[in-house]
Amino acid sequence: MKKDVLFWDVDTQFDFMRPQGRLYVSGAENIIEKISHVRKYALKNGFSIVASADWHSKDNPEISDNPDYKQTFPPHCIADESGSERVGYLGELPIEYVPNQQVDAGALRKLSDKEQFHIVIRKQTTDVFSNPNTSALVELIAPKAVVVFGVALDVCVDQALRGLYNFPDIKLYLIKDAVKGLEIRPAEELFDEYKKMGVEITELGKLKERLKCG
């Protein structure tokens, strides 16, 4: 059962989550404790985590000094700088990284063919599926259910959910008290749309009851 359920952590990085961050999602600091609880629950109970993380250089097409905030954004989550660091509890399980360049299938299999893993997929756009390894990694893991949380609900979380929705055998869950949006679209409007897609909108407490552990 533990291999069947995967936790999917979206862009929970300093530049998005903290008021001092370069591309701060308003109010995101208020869900850091909840995100920590989600990660701690997953790791303590033997579930694996895949996280996405922006990992930019200043010459990436998304980075601009004159951003339109649609396709381009101010410098943020610059590789190896503090703004790219994930915030909150990360646990003691070694974290392994998937670069934004194509990786050999055998290397991806080595990362995912473990009883439990914590993998970060690095990306240079808002969409984690722009990384050429993401779809292959999901296929290798072959989860029956994916539990999604993070920021921003109406951008990167939305794109992650829609990308995962393309895998018809995966049941999707969204932890509504562990997401925060930019209010480009109201959260409730998105939740209604996701429900129509078959996504179960839940909270950590209810998810624990369903998974019957921790």
N, C-alpha and C. Protein backbone atom coordinates (compact mmCIF):
# COMPACT_ATOMS: atom_id res chain seq x y z
N MET A 1 0.81 -1.20 0.00
CA MET A 1 0.00 0.00 0.00
C MET A 1 0.85 1.26 0.00
N LYS A 2 1.96 1.25 0.73
CA LYS A 2 2.80 2.45 0.83
C LYS A 2 3.34 2.87 -0.54
N LYS A 3 3.60 1.89 -1.40
CA LYS A 3 4.11 2.21 -2.74
C LYS A 3 3.00 2.73 -3.65
N ASP A 4 1.75 2.48 -3.26
CA ASP A 4 0.62 2.87 -4.10
C ASP A 4 0.28 4.35 -3.97
N VAL A 5 0.66 4.97 -2.85
CA VAL A 5 0.29 6.36 -2.57
C VAL A 5 1.55 7.23 -2.59
N LEU A 6 1.54 8.26 -3.41
CA LEU A 6 2.67 9.16 -3.57
C LEU A 6 2.24 10.57 -3.16
N PHE A 7 3.07 11.25 -2.38
CA PHE A 7 2.81 12.64 -2.00
C PHE A 7 3.59 13.55 -2.96
N TRP A 8 2.89 14.58 -3.47
CA TRP A 8 3.45 15.44 -4.52
C TRP A 8 3.49 16.88 -3.99
N ASP A 9 4.69 17.38 -3.75
CA ASP A 9 4.96 18.65 -3.07
C ASP A 9 5.35 19.69 -4.13
N VAL A 10 4.53 20.74 -4.28
CA VAL A 10 4.71 21.69 -5.38
C VAL A 10 5.36 22.99 -4.91
N ASP A 11 6.62 23.21 -5.31
CA ASP A 11 7.27 24.52 -5.25
C ASP A 11 7.25 25.21 -3.89
N THR A 12 7.39 24.44 -2.82
CA THR A 12 7.33 25.02 -1.47
C THR A 12 8.70 25.59 -1.09
N GLN A 13 9.09 26.63 -1.80
CA GLN A 13 10.42 27.23 -1.70
C GLN A 13 10.37 28.63 -1.09
N PHE A 14 11.49 29.06 -0.54
CA PHE A 14 11.57 30.33 0.19
C PHE A 14 11.01 31.49 -0.61
N ASP A 15 11.39 31.61 -1.87
CA ASP A 15 10.97 32.78 -2.66
C ASP A 15 9.47 32.85 -2.88
N PHE A 16 8.77 31.72 -2.73
CA PHE A 16 7.31 31.72 -2.85
C PHE A 16 6.62 31.75 -1.50
N MET A 17 7.26 31.16 -0.48
CA MET A 17 6.57 30.89 0.78
C MET A 17 6.78 31.95 1.86
N ARG A 18 7.82 32.73 1.75
CA ARG A 18 8.15 33.70 2.79
C ARG A 18 7.91 35.13 2.29
N PRO A 19 7.43 36.02 3.19
CA PRO A 19 7.20 37.41 2.77
C PRO A 19 8.44 38.10 2.20
N GLN A 20 9.62 37.63 2.62
CA GLN A 20 10.86 38.22 2.10
C GLN A 20 11.23 37.65 0.74
N GLY A 21 10.49 36.65 0.27
CA GLY A 21 10.81 35.98 -0.98
C GLY A 21 10.60 36.89 -2.19
N ARG A 22 11.29 36.55 -3.26
CA ARG A 22 11.28 37.40 -4.46
C ARG A 22 9.99 37.28 -5.27
N LEU A 23 9.25 36.20 -5.08
CA LEU A 23 7.99 36.02 -5.80
C LEU A 23 6.97 35.43 -4.82
N TYR A 24 6.80 36.15 -3.73
CA TYR A 24 6.00 35.72 -2.58
C TYR A 24 4.53 35.53 -2.94
N VAL A 25 3.98 34.39 -2.56
CA VAL A 25 2.55 34.12 -2.66
C VAL A 25 1.91 34.58 -1.36
N SER A 26 1.11 35.62 -1.41
CA SER A 26 0.58 36.23 -0.20
C SER A 26 -0.11 35.22 0.70
N GLY A 27 0.32 35.18 1.96
CA GLY A 27 -0.26 34.28 2.94
C GLY A 27 0.34 32.90 2.97
N ALA A 28 1.29 32.62 2.08
CA ALA A 28 1.84 31.26 1.99
C ALA A 28 2.57 30.84 3.26
N GLU A 29 3.11 31.82 3.99
CA GLU A 29 3.81 31.47 5.23
C GLU A 29 2.87 30.81 6.24
N ASN A 30 1.56 31.07 6.10
CA ASN A 30 0.59 30.52 7.03
C ASN A 30 0.33 29.03 6.82
N ILE A 31 0.78 28.47 5.72
CA ILE A 31 0.58 27.02 5.50
C ILE A 31 1.89 26.23 5.64
N ILE A 32 2.98 26.90 6.03
CA ILE A 32 4.26 26.18 6.18
C ILE A 32 4.13 25.09 7.24
N GLU A 33 3.48 25.41 8.35
CA GLU A 33 3.32 24.41 9.41
C GLU A 33 2.50 23.22 8.91
N LYS A 34 1.44 23.49 8.16
CA LYS A 34 0.61 22.41 7.62
C LYS A 34 1.40 21.56 6.63
N ILE A 35 2.17 22.21 5.76
CA ILE A 35 3.00 21.49 4.79
C ILE A 35 4.02 20.61 5.53
N SER A 36 4.59 21.14 6.61
CA SER A 36 5.51 20.34 7.42
C SER A 36 4.82 19.12 7.99
N HIS A 37 3.57 19.29 8.46
CA HIS A 37 2.80 18.17 8.99
C HIS A 37 2.55 17.11 7.92
N VAL A 38 2.24 17.58 6.70
CA VAL A 38 1.99 16.64 5.60
C VAL A 38 3.25 15.83 5.31
N ARG A 39 4.38 16.52 5.19
CA ARG A 39 5.64 15.81 4.91
C ARG A 39 5.99 14.85 6.04
N LYS A 40 5.85 15.32 7.27
CA LYS A 40 6.19 14.48 8.42
C LYS A 40 5.31 13.24 8.46
N TYR A 41 4.02 13.42 8.21
CA TYR A 41 3.10 12.28 8.17
C TYR A 41 3.52 11.29 7.09
N ALA A 42 3.80 11.81 5.89
CA ALA A 42 4.17 10.92 4.78
C ALA A 42 5.43 10.13 5.10
N LEU A 43 6.46 10.83 5.52
CA LEU A 43 7.76 10.19 5.73
C LEU A 43 7.72 9.24 6.93
N LYS A 44 7.04 9.64 7.98
CA LYS A 44 6.95 8.80 9.18
C LYS A 44 6.23 7.49 8.88
N ASN A 45 5.26 7.55 7.97
CA ASN A 45 4.43 6.38 7.70
C ASN A 45 4.87 5.60 6.46
N GLY A 46 6.06 5.91 5.94
CA GLY A 46 6.63 5.09 4.88
C GLY A 46 6.24 5.47 3.47
N PHE A 47 5.51 6.60 3.31
CA PHE A 47 5.14 7.04 1.98
C PHE A 47 6.29 7.84 1.35
N SER A 48 6.34 7.85 0.04
CA SER A 48 7.38 8.59 -0.68
C SER A 48 6.87 9.97 -1.10
N ILE A 49 7.83 10.87 -1.33
CA ILE A 49 7.53 12.23 -1.75
C ILE A 49 8.26 12.52 -3.06
N VAL A 50 7.52 13.11 -4.01
CA VAL A 50 8.14 13.76 -5.16
C VAL A 50 7.81 15.24 -5.05
N ALA A 51 8.81 16.07 -5.14
CA ALA A 51 8.61 17.52 -5.07
C ALA A 51 9.08 18.16 -6.36
N SER A 52 8.41 19.24 -6.74
CA SER A 52 8.93 20.07 -7.82
C SER A 52 9.60 21.29 -7.20
N ALA A 53 10.60 21.82 -7.90
CA ALA A 53 11.30 23.00 -7.40
C ALA A 53 11.82 23.81 -8.58
N ASP A 54 11.51 25.11 -8.56
CA ASP A 54 12.11 26.01 -9.54
C ASP A 54 13.62 26.04 -9.31
N TRP A 55 14.37 26.05 -10.39
CA TRP A 55 15.83 26.00 -10.31
C TRP A 55 16.36 26.79 -11.51
N HIS A 56 16.42 28.11 -11.33
CA HIS A 56 16.66 29.01 -12.45
C HIS A 56 18.09 29.50 -12.52
N SER A 57 18.51 29.82 -13.73
CA SER A 57 19.65 30.69 -13.95
C SER A 57 19.08 31.99 -14.50
N LYS A 58 19.85 33.05 -14.43
CA LYS A 58 19.31 34.36 -14.80
C LYS A 58 19.07 34.50 -16.29
N ASP A 59 19.57 33.53 -17.07
CA ASP A 59 19.34 33.59 -18.52
C ASP A 59 18.19 32.67 -18.97
N ASN A 60 17.46 32.06 -18.01
CA ASN A 60 16.29 31.26 -18.38
C ASN A 60 15.23 32.14 -19.03
N PRO A 61 14.52 31.63 -20.04
CA PRO A 61 13.49 32.43 -20.72
C PRO A 61 12.41 32.97 -19.78
N GLU A 62 12.14 32.27 -18.69
CA GLU A 62 11.10 32.72 -17.75
C GLU A 62 11.54 33.95 -16.95
N ILE A 63 12.84 34.19 -16.84
CA ILE A 63 13.37 35.25 -15.98
C ILE A 63 13.52 36.55 -16.79
N SER A 64 12.97 37.63 -16.24
CA SER A 64 13.02 38.91 -16.94
C SER A 64 13.06 40.06 -15.94
N ASP A 65 13.76 41.12 -16.31
CA ASP A 65 13.75 42.35 -15.50
C ASP A 65 12.51 43.19 -15.81
N ASN A 66 11.80 42.81 -16.87
CA ASN A 66 10.54 43.48 -17.23
C ASN A 66 9.45 42.42 -17.43
N PRO A 67 9.10 41.74 -16.36
CA PRO A 67 8.21 40.58 -16.49
C PRO A 67 6.77 40.95 -16.81
N ASP A 68 6.08 40.02 -17.50
CA ASP A 68 4.65 40.21 -17.74
C ASP A 68 3.80 39.43 -16.73
N TYR A 69 4.45 38.65 -15.87
CA TYR A 69 3.80 37.84 -14.84
C TYR A 69 2.83 36.80 -15.43
N LYS A 70 3.03 36.47 -16.69
CA LYS A 70 2.28 35.39 -17.34
C LYS A 70 3.26 34.35 -17.86
N GLN A 71 4.15 34.79 -18.73
CA GLN A 71 5.19 33.92 -19.27
C GLN A 71 6.56 34.22 -18.67
N THR A 72 6.72 35.44 -18.17
CA THR A 72 8.00 35.85 -17.59
C THR A 72 7.79 36.42 -16.19
N PHE A 73 8.84 36.25 -15.35
CA PHE A 73 8.75 36.65 -13.95
C PHE A 73 10.08 37.25 -13.51
N PRO A 74 10.08 38.02 -12.42
CA PRO A 74 11.35 38.56 -11.91
C PRO A 74 12.28 37.42 -11.48
N PRO A 75 13.56 37.68 -11.36
CA PRO A 75 14.49 36.65 -10.88
C PRO A 75 14.01 36.05 -9.56
N HIS A 76 13.96 34.72 -9.50
CA HIS A 76 13.51 34.02 -8.29
C HIS A 76 14.05 32.60 -8.34
N CYS A 77 14.16 31.98 -7.17
CA CYS A 77 14.62 30.58 -7.06
C CYS A 77 15.83 30.33 -7.95
N ILE A 78 16.81 31.23 -7.81
CA ILE A 78 18.05 31.09 -8.57
C ILE A 78 18.86 29.93 -8.00
N ALA A 79 19.38 29.08 -8.88
CA ALA A 79 20.09 27.86 -8.47
C ALA A 79 21.15 28.16 -7.42
N ASP A 80 21.12 27.36 -6.35
CA ASP A 80 22.10 27.41 -5.26
C ASP A 80 22.01 28.66 -4.40
N GLU A 81 21.01 29.50 -4.62
CA GLU A 81 20.80 30.65 -3.74
C GLU A 81 19.70 30.32 -2.73
N SER A 82 19.66 31.10 -1.64
CA SER A 82 18.75 30.78 -0.53
C SER A 82 17.29 30.79 -0.94
N GLY A 83 16.94 31.60 -1.93
CA GLY A 83 15.54 31.68 -2.36
C GLY A 83 15.02 30.39 -2.96
N SER A 84 15.91 29.51 -3.41
CA SER A 84 15.49 28.24 -4.02
C SER A 84 15.27 27.14 -2.99
N GLU A 85 15.63 27.38 -1.74
CA GLU A 85 15.54 26.34 -0.72
C GLU A 85 14.10 26.05 -0.32
N ARG A 86 13.78 24.79 -0.12
CA ARG A 86 12.46 24.41 0.37
C ARG A 86 12.35 24.72 1.85
N VAL A 87 11.16 25.10 2.28
CA VAL A 87 10.96 25.52 3.66
C VAL A 87 10.19 24.45 4.44
N GLY A 88 10.34 24.49 5.77
CA GLY A 88 9.62 23.57 6.63
C GLY A 88 10.36 22.25 6.82
N TYR A 89 9.68 21.33 7.48
CA TYR A 89 10.24 20.02 7.81
C TYR A 89 10.49 19.21 6.55
N LEU A 90 11.70 18.66 6.44
CA LEU A 90 12.07 17.85 5.28
C LEU A 90 12.44 16.42 5.64
N GLY A 91 12.56 16.13 6.93
CA GLY A 91 12.85 14.77 7.36
C GLY A 91 14.30 14.38 7.20
N GLU A 92 14.59 13.13 7.50
CA GLU A 92 15.96 12.62 7.47
C GLU A 92 16.25 11.71 6.28
N LEU A 93 15.23 11.32 5.55
CA LEU A 93 15.44 10.49 4.37
C LEU A 93 16.26 11.28 3.34
N PRO A 94 17.34 10.70 2.80
CA PRO A 94 18.14 11.43 1.82
C PRO A 94 17.29 11.92 0.65
N ILE A 95 17.51 13.17 0.26
CA ILE A 95 16.77 13.77 -0.85
C ILE A 95 17.63 13.68 -2.10
N GLU A 96 17.04 13.18 -3.19
CA GLU A 96 17.76 13.05 -4.44
C GLU A 96 17.09 13.94 -5.49
N TYR A 97 17.88 14.33 -6.50
CA TYR A 97 17.44 15.39 -7.41
C TYR A 97 17.45 14.92 -8.86
N VAL A 98 16.42 15.37 -9.59
CA VAL A 98 16.32 15.11 -11.02
C VAL A 98 16.56 16.43 -11.74
N PRO A 99 17.59 16.53 -12.57
CA PRO A 99 17.89 17.79 -13.26
C PRO A 99 16.89 18.06 -14.37
N ASN A 100 16.97 19.24 -14.93
CA ASN A 100 16.05 19.62 -16.00
C ASN A 100 16.51 19.12 -17.38
N GLN A 101 17.58 18.34 -17.40
CA GLN A 101 18.05 17.72 -18.65
C GLN A 101 17.64 16.25 -18.66
N GLN A 102 17.49 15.71 -19.84
CA GLN A 102 17.11 14.31 -20.00
C GLN A 102 18.05 13.39 -19.23
N VAL A 103 17.47 12.49 -18.45
CA VAL A 103 18.23 11.54 -17.65
C VAL A 103 17.96 10.14 -18.20
N ASP A 104 18.97 9.30 -18.19
CA ASP A 104 18.82 7.92 -18.64
C ASP A 104 17.75 7.21 -17.82
N ALA A 105 16.94 6.40 -18.49
CA ALA A 105 15.85 5.69 -17.82
C ALA A 105 16.35 4.84 -16.66
N GLY A 106 17.54 4.26 -16.82
CA GLY A 106 18.09 3.44 -15.75
C GLY A 106 18.38 4.26 -14.50
N ALA A 107 18.82 5.50 -14.68
CA ALA A 107 19.09 6.37 -13.54
C ALA A 107 17.79 6.75 -12.83
N LEU A 108 16.74 7.02 -13.60
CA LEU A 108 15.45 7.32 -12.99
C LEU A 108 14.91 6.10 -12.24
N ARG A 109 15.10 4.93 -12.82
CA ARG A 109 14.62 3.70 -12.17
C ARG A 109 15.36 3.49 -10.85
N LYS A 110 16.64 3.80 -10.83
CA LYS A 110 17.43 3.65 -9.60
C LYS A 110 16.91 4.57 -8.50
N LEU A 111 16.48 5.78 -8.89
CA LEU A 111 15.94 6.73 -7.91
C LEU A 111 14.62 6.24 -7.32
N SER A 112 13.78 5.69 -8.17
CA SER A 112 12.41 5.37 -7.76
C SER A 112 12.22 3.94 -7.30
N ASP A 113 13.15 3.06 -7.58
CA ASP A 113 13.01 1.64 -7.25
C ASP A 113 13.51 1.38 -5.83
N LYS A 114 12.88 2.05 -4.88
CA LYS A 114 13.24 1.93 -3.47
C LYS A 114 11.96 1.79 -2.66
N GLU A 115 12.10 1.27 -1.47
CA GLU A 115 10.94 1.13 -0.60
C GLU A 115 10.34 2.49 -0.29
N GLN A 116 11.20 3.50 -0.09
CA GLN A 116 10.75 4.86 0.17
C GLN A 116 11.78 5.83 -0.41
N PHE A 117 11.31 6.92 -0.99
CA PHE A 117 12.23 7.90 -1.58
C PHE A 117 11.68 9.31 -1.41
N HIS A 118 12.57 10.27 -1.53
CA HIS A 118 12.22 11.69 -1.49
C HIS A 118 12.99 12.33 -2.64
N ILE A 119 12.29 12.63 -3.72
CA ILE A 119 12.89 13.09 -4.96
C ILE A 119 12.43 14.51 -5.27
N VAL A 120 13.35 15.36 -5.68
CA VAL A 120 13.02 16.71 -6.13
C VAL A 120 13.26 16.81 -7.64
N ILE A 121 12.21 17.20 -8.36
CA ILE A 121 12.33 17.44 -9.80
C ILE A 121 12.58 18.93 -10.01
N ARG A 122 13.71 19.27 -10.56
CA ARG A 122 14.03 20.68 -10.81
C ARG A 122 13.45 21.11 -12.16
N LYS A 123 12.97 22.35 -12.21
CA LYS A 123 12.32 22.83 -13.43
C LYS A 123 12.66 24.30 -13.67
N GLN A 124 12.44 24.73 -14.91
CA GLN A 124 12.76 26.10 -15.29
C GLN A 124 11.55 26.85 -15.83
N THR A 125 10.37 26.23 -15.71
CA THR A 125 9.11 26.89 -16.05
C THR A 125 8.11 26.61 -14.94
N THR A 126 6.92 27.15 -15.08
CA THR A 126 5.90 26.91 -14.05
C THR A 126 5.42 25.47 -14.03
N ASP A 127 5.54 24.76 -15.13
CA ASP A 127 4.98 23.42 -15.29
C ASP A 127 6.03 22.34 -15.04
N VAL A 128 5.82 21.51 -14.03
CA VAL A 128 6.78 20.44 -13.72
C VAL A 128 6.92 19.45 -14.87
N PHE A 129 5.88 19.34 -15.70
CA PHE A 129 5.95 18.41 -16.82
C PHE A 129 6.76 18.97 -18.00
N SER A 130 7.27 20.20 -17.85
CA SER A 130 8.23 20.72 -18.83
C SER A 130 9.61 20.07 -18.64
N ASN A 131 9.85 19.50 -17.47
CA ASN A 131 11.07 18.72 -17.26
C ASN A 131 10.91 17.42 -18.05
N PRO A 132 11.87 17.08 -18.93
CA PRO A 132 11.69 15.92 -19.81
C PRO A 132 11.65 14.58 -19.08
N ASN A 133 11.93 14.59 -17.77
CA ASN A 133 11.96 13.35 -17.01
C ASN A 133 10.68 13.08 -16.21
N THR A 134 9.82 14.09 -16.08
CA THR A 134 8.70 13.97 -15.15
C THR A 134 7.74 12.85 -15.52
N SER A 135 7.29 12.84 -16.75
CA SER A 135 6.34 11.80 -17.16
C SER A 135 6.93 10.41 -17.02
N ALA A 136 8.20 10.26 -17.41
CA ALA A 136 8.85 8.96 -17.29
C ALA A 136 8.95 8.51 -15.84
N LEU A 137 9.22 9.47 -14.94
CA LEU A 137 9.32 9.13 -13.52
C LEU A 137 7.97 8.69 -12.97
N VAL A 138 6.90 9.39 -13.34
CA VAL A 138 5.57 8.99 -12.89
C VAL A 138 5.24 7.58 -13.39
N GLU A 139 5.58 7.30 -14.63
CA GLU A 139 5.32 5.96 -15.18
C GLU A 139 6.11 4.88 -14.45
N LEU A 140 7.34 5.19 -14.07
CA LEU A 140 8.15 4.22 -13.34
C LEU A 140 7.60 3.97 -11.94
N ILE A 141 7.18 5.04 -11.27
CA ILE A 141 6.65 4.89 -9.92
C ILE A 141 5.30 4.17 -9.96
N ALA A 142 4.50 4.51 -10.97
CA ALA A 142 3.17 3.90 -11.18
C ALA A 142 2.30 3.92 -9.92
N PRO A 143 2.12 5.09 -9.31
CA PRO A 143 1.27 5.14 -8.12
C PRO A 143 -0.20 4.96 -8.48
N LYS A 144 -0.95 4.47 -7.52
CA LYS A 144 -2.40 4.38 -7.71
C LYS A 144 -3.09 5.65 -7.25
N ALA A 145 -2.43 6.40 -6.37
CA ALA A 145 -2.98 7.65 -5.87
C ALA A 145 -1.84 8.65 -5.66
N VAL A 146 -2.13 9.92 -5.95
CA VAL A 146 -1.15 11.00 -5.73
C VAL A 146 -1.84 12.09 -4.92
N VAL A 147 -1.17 12.50 -3.84
CA VAL A 147 -1.68 13.52 -2.94
C VAL A 147 -0.89 14.81 -3.19
N VAL A 148 -1.58 15.86 -3.64
CA VAL A 148 -0.92 17.09 -4.08
C VAL A 148 -1.11 18.20 -3.07
N PHE A 149 -0.04 19.01 -2.87
CA PHE A 149 -0.11 20.19 -2.00
C PHE A 149 1.00 21.15 -2.40
N GLY A 150 0.89 22.42 -1.96
CA GLY A 150 1.95 23.39 -2.25
C GLY A 150 1.42 24.69 -2.83
N VAL A 151 2.26 25.39 -3.59
CA VAL A 151 1.93 26.70 -4.17
C VAL A 151 2.40 26.77 -5.62
N ALA A 152 1.90 27.72 -6.36
CA ALA A 152 0.68 28.47 -6.12
C ALA A 152 -0.48 27.68 -6.73
N LEU A 153 -1.60 27.65 -6.01
CA LEU A 153 -2.73 26.82 -6.42
C LEU A 153 -3.13 27.06 -7.87
N ASP A 154 -3.22 28.34 -8.26
CA ASP A 154 -3.75 28.68 -9.57
C ASP A 154 -2.70 28.75 -10.67
N VAL A 155 -1.47 28.34 -10.35
CA VAL A 155 -0.41 28.30 -11.38
C VAL A 155 0.26 26.92 -11.35
N CYS A 156 1.27 26.76 -10.52
CA CYS A 156 2.07 25.53 -10.56
C CYS A 156 1.33 24.30 -10.03
N VAL A 157 0.52 24.48 -8.97
CA VAL A 157 -0.27 23.36 -8.47
C VAL A 157 -1.29 22.94 -9.53
N ASP A 158 -1.94 23.91 -10.14
CA ASP A 158 -2.91 23.64 -11.20
C ASP A 158 -2.27 22.85 -12.34
N GLN A 159 -1.09 23.28 -12.77
CA GLN A 159 -0.42 22.60 -13.89
C GLN A 159 0.03 21.20 -13.49
N ALA A 160 0.47 21.03 -12.25
CA ALA A 160 0.85 19.69 -11.79
C ALA A 160 -0.35 18.75 -11.78
N LEU A 161 -1.48 19.24 -11.25
CA LEU A 161 -2.69 18.43 -11.21
C LEU A 161 -3.14 18.02 -12.62
N ARG A 162 -3.11 18.98 -13.53
CA ARG A 162 -3.57 18.69 -14.89
C ARG A 162 -2.61 17.74 -15.61
N GLY A 163 -1.32 17.86 -15.30
CA GLY A 163 -0.37 16.92 -15.87
C GLY A 163 -0.57 15.51 -15.34
N LEU A 164 -0.82 15.41 -14.04
CA LEU A 164 -1.06 14.09 -13.43
C LEU A 164 -2.40 13.51 -13.88
N TYR A 165 -3.34 14.37 -14.19
CA TYR A 165 -4.66 13.93 -14.66
C TYR A 165 -4.56 13.15 -15.98
N ASN A 166 -3.47 13.37 -16.72
CA ASN A 166 -3.27 12.66 -17.99
C ASN A 166 -2.91 11.19 -17.79
N PHE A 167 -2.68 10.79 -16.54
CA PHE A 167 -2.43 9.39 -16.22
C PHE A 167 -3.74 8.81 -15.66
N PRO A 168 -4.53 8.15 -16.50
CA PRO A 168 -5.90 7.79 -16.11
C PRO A 168 -6.02 6.81 -14.96
N ASP A 169 -4.96 6.09 -14.65
CA ASP A 169 -5.04 5.10 -13.58
C ASP A 169 -4.71 5.68 -12.20
N ILE A 170 -4.42 6.99 -12.14
CA ILE A 170 -4.05 7.61 -10.88
C ILE A 170 -5.25 8.35 -10.28
N LYS A 171 -5.57 8.04 -9.03
CA LYS A 171 -6.57 8.79 -8.27
C LYS A 171 -5.87 10.00 -7.65
N LEU A 172 -6.43 11.20 -7.85
CA LEU A 172 -5.80 12.43 -7.38
C LEU A 172 -6.52 12.99 -6.15
N TYR A 173 -5.70 13.43 -5.20
CA TYR A 173 -6.19 14.12 -4.01
C TYR A 173 -5.50 15.48 -3.92
N LEU A 174 -6.22 16.48 -3.47
CA LEU A 174 -5.64 17.80 -3.22
C LEU A 174 -5.93 18.17 -1.77
N ILE A 175 -4.87 18.47 -1.02
CA ILE A 175 -5.04 18.86 0.38
C ILE A 175 -5.33 20.36 0.42
N LYS A 176 -6.59 20.72 0.62
CA LYS A 176 -7.01 22.12 0.44
C LYS A 176 -6.46 23.06 1.50
N ASP A 177 -6.13 22.54 2.69
CA ASP A 177 -5.56 23.40 3.71
C ASP A 177 -4.03 23.42 3.67
N ALA A 178 -3.44 22.84 2.60
CA ALA A 178 -1.99 22.88 2.41
C ALA A 178 -1.66 23.42 1.01
N VAL A 179 -2.55 24.27 0.50
CA VAL A 179 -2.29 24.97 -0.76
C VAL A 179 -2.60 26.45 -0.56
N LYS A 180 -1.98 27.28 -1.36
CA LYS A 180 -2.25 28.72 -1.35
C LYS A 180 -2.09 29.24 -2.76
N GLY A 181 -3.05 30.08 -3.19
CA GLY A 181 -3.02 30.60 -4.55
C GLY A 181 -2.74 32.09 -4.62
N LEU A 182 -2.58 32.56 -5.83
CA LEU A 182 -2.38 33.98 -6.09
C LEU A 182 -3.70 34.72 -6.27
N GLU A 183 -4.81 33.97 -6.25
CA GLU A 183 -6.14 34.51 -6.48
C GLU A 183 -6.32 35.05 -7.89
N ILE A 184 -5.53 34.52 -8.83
CA ILE A 184 -5.81 34.77 -10.24
C ILE A 184 -7.20 34.21 -10.55
N ARG A 185 -7.46 33.02 -9.98
CA ARG A 185 -8.80 32.44 -9.99
C ARG A 185 -9.14 32.06 -8.55
N PRO A 186 -10.37 32.27 -8.12
CA PRO A 186 -10.74 31.92 -6.74
C PRO A 186 -10.52 30.44 -6.45
N ALA A 187 -10.06 30.15 -5.25
CA ALA A 187 -9.78 28.77 -4.88
C ALA A 187 -11.01 27.88 -5.03
N GLU A 188 -12.17 28.35 -4.59
CA GLU A 188 -13.38 27.53 -4.64
C GLU A 188 -13.77 27.20 -6.08
N GLU A 189 -13.53 28.15 -6.98
CA GLU A 189 -13.81 27.90 -8.39
C GLU A 189 -12.93 26.78 -8.93
N LEU A 190 -11.64 26.82 -8.55
CA LEU A 190 -10.72 25.76 -8.96
C LEU A 190 -11.10 24.42 -8.32
N PHE A 191 -11.45 24.44 -7.03
CA PHE A 191 -11.84 23.20 -6.36
C PHE A 191 -13.03 22.55 -7.07
N ASP A 192 -14.02 23.37 -7.45
CA ASP A 192 -15.19 22.83 -8.15
C ASP A 192 -14.78 22.21 -9.48
N GLU A 193 -13.86 22.86 -10.16
CA GLU A 193 -13.39 22.34 -11.45
C GLU A 193 -12.66 21.01 -11.26
N TYR A 194 -11.82 20.95 -10.22
CA TYR A 194 -11.07 19.72 -9.95
C TYR A 194 -12.02 18.57 -9.59
N LYS A 195 -13.05 18.88 -8.82
CA LYS A 195 -14.02 17.83 -8.45
C LYS A 195 -14.65 17.22 -9.69
N LYS A 196 -14.95 18.07 -10.68
CA LYS A 196 -15.52 17.57 -11.92
C LYS A 196 -14.54 16.68 -12.68
N MET A 197 -13.23 16.90 -12.45
CA MET A 197 -12.19 16.07 -13.05
C MET A 197 -12.02 14.75 -12.29
N GLY A 198 -12.65 14.66 -11.12
CA GLY A 198 -12.50 13.46 -10.30
C GLY A 198 -11.47 13.58 -9.20
N VAL A 199 -10.93 14.78 -9.03
CA VAL A 199 -9.97 15.02 -7.95
C VAL A 199 -10.73 15.09 -6.63
N GLU A 200 -10.25 14.41 -5.61
CA GLU A 200 -10.88 14.49 -4.29
C GLU A 200 -10.22 15.62 -3.50
N ILE A 201 -11.03 16.60 -3.11
CA ILE A 201 -10.55 17.73 -2.32
C ILE A 201 -10.69 17.35 -0.85
N THR A 202 -9.58 17.36 -0.13
CA THR A 202 -9.61 16.81 1.23
C THR A 202 -8.74 17.64 2.16
N GLU A 203 -8.65 17.22 3.39
CA GLU A 203 -7.75 17.80 4.39
C GLU A 203 -6.90 16.68 4.95
N LEU A 204 -5.78 17.05 5.59
CA LEU A 204 -4.86 16.02 6.08
C LEU A 204 -5.54 15.07 7.05
N GLY A 205 -6.35 15.61 7.97
CA GLY A 205 -7.02 14.76 8.95
C GLY A 205 -7.89 13.70 8.29
N LYS A 206 -8.65 14.10 7.29
CA LYS A 206 -9.52 13.16 6.58
C LYS A 206 -8.71 12.16 5.76
N LEU A 207 -7.59 12.63 5.22
CA LEU A 207 -6.72 11.74 4.44
C LEU A 207 -6.12 10.66 5.35
N LYS A 208 -5.74 11.04 6.57
CA LYS A 208 -5.20 10.07 7.51
C LYS A 208 -6.22 8.96 7.79
N GLU A 209 -7.48 9.36 7.95
CA GLU A 209 -8.52 8.37 8.21
C GLU A 209 -8.66 7.41 7.04
N ARG A 210 -8.57 7.95 5.82
CA ARG A 210 -8.71 7.12 4.64
C ARG A 210 -7.53 6.14 4.52
N LEU A 211 -6.31 6.64 4.79
CA LEU A 211 -5.13 5.80 4.66
C LEU A 211 -4.90 4.91 5.87
N LYS A 212 -5.59 5.25 6.97
CA LYS A 212 -5.59 4.43 8.18
C LYS A 212 -4.19 4.17 8.74
N CYS A 213 -3.39 5.25 8.81
CA CYS A 213 -2.12 5.15 9.52
C CYS A 213 -1.72 6.54 10.00
N GLY A 214 -0.89 6.58 11.03
CA GLY A 214 -0.41 7.85 11.58
C GLY A 214 -1.47 8.64 12.26
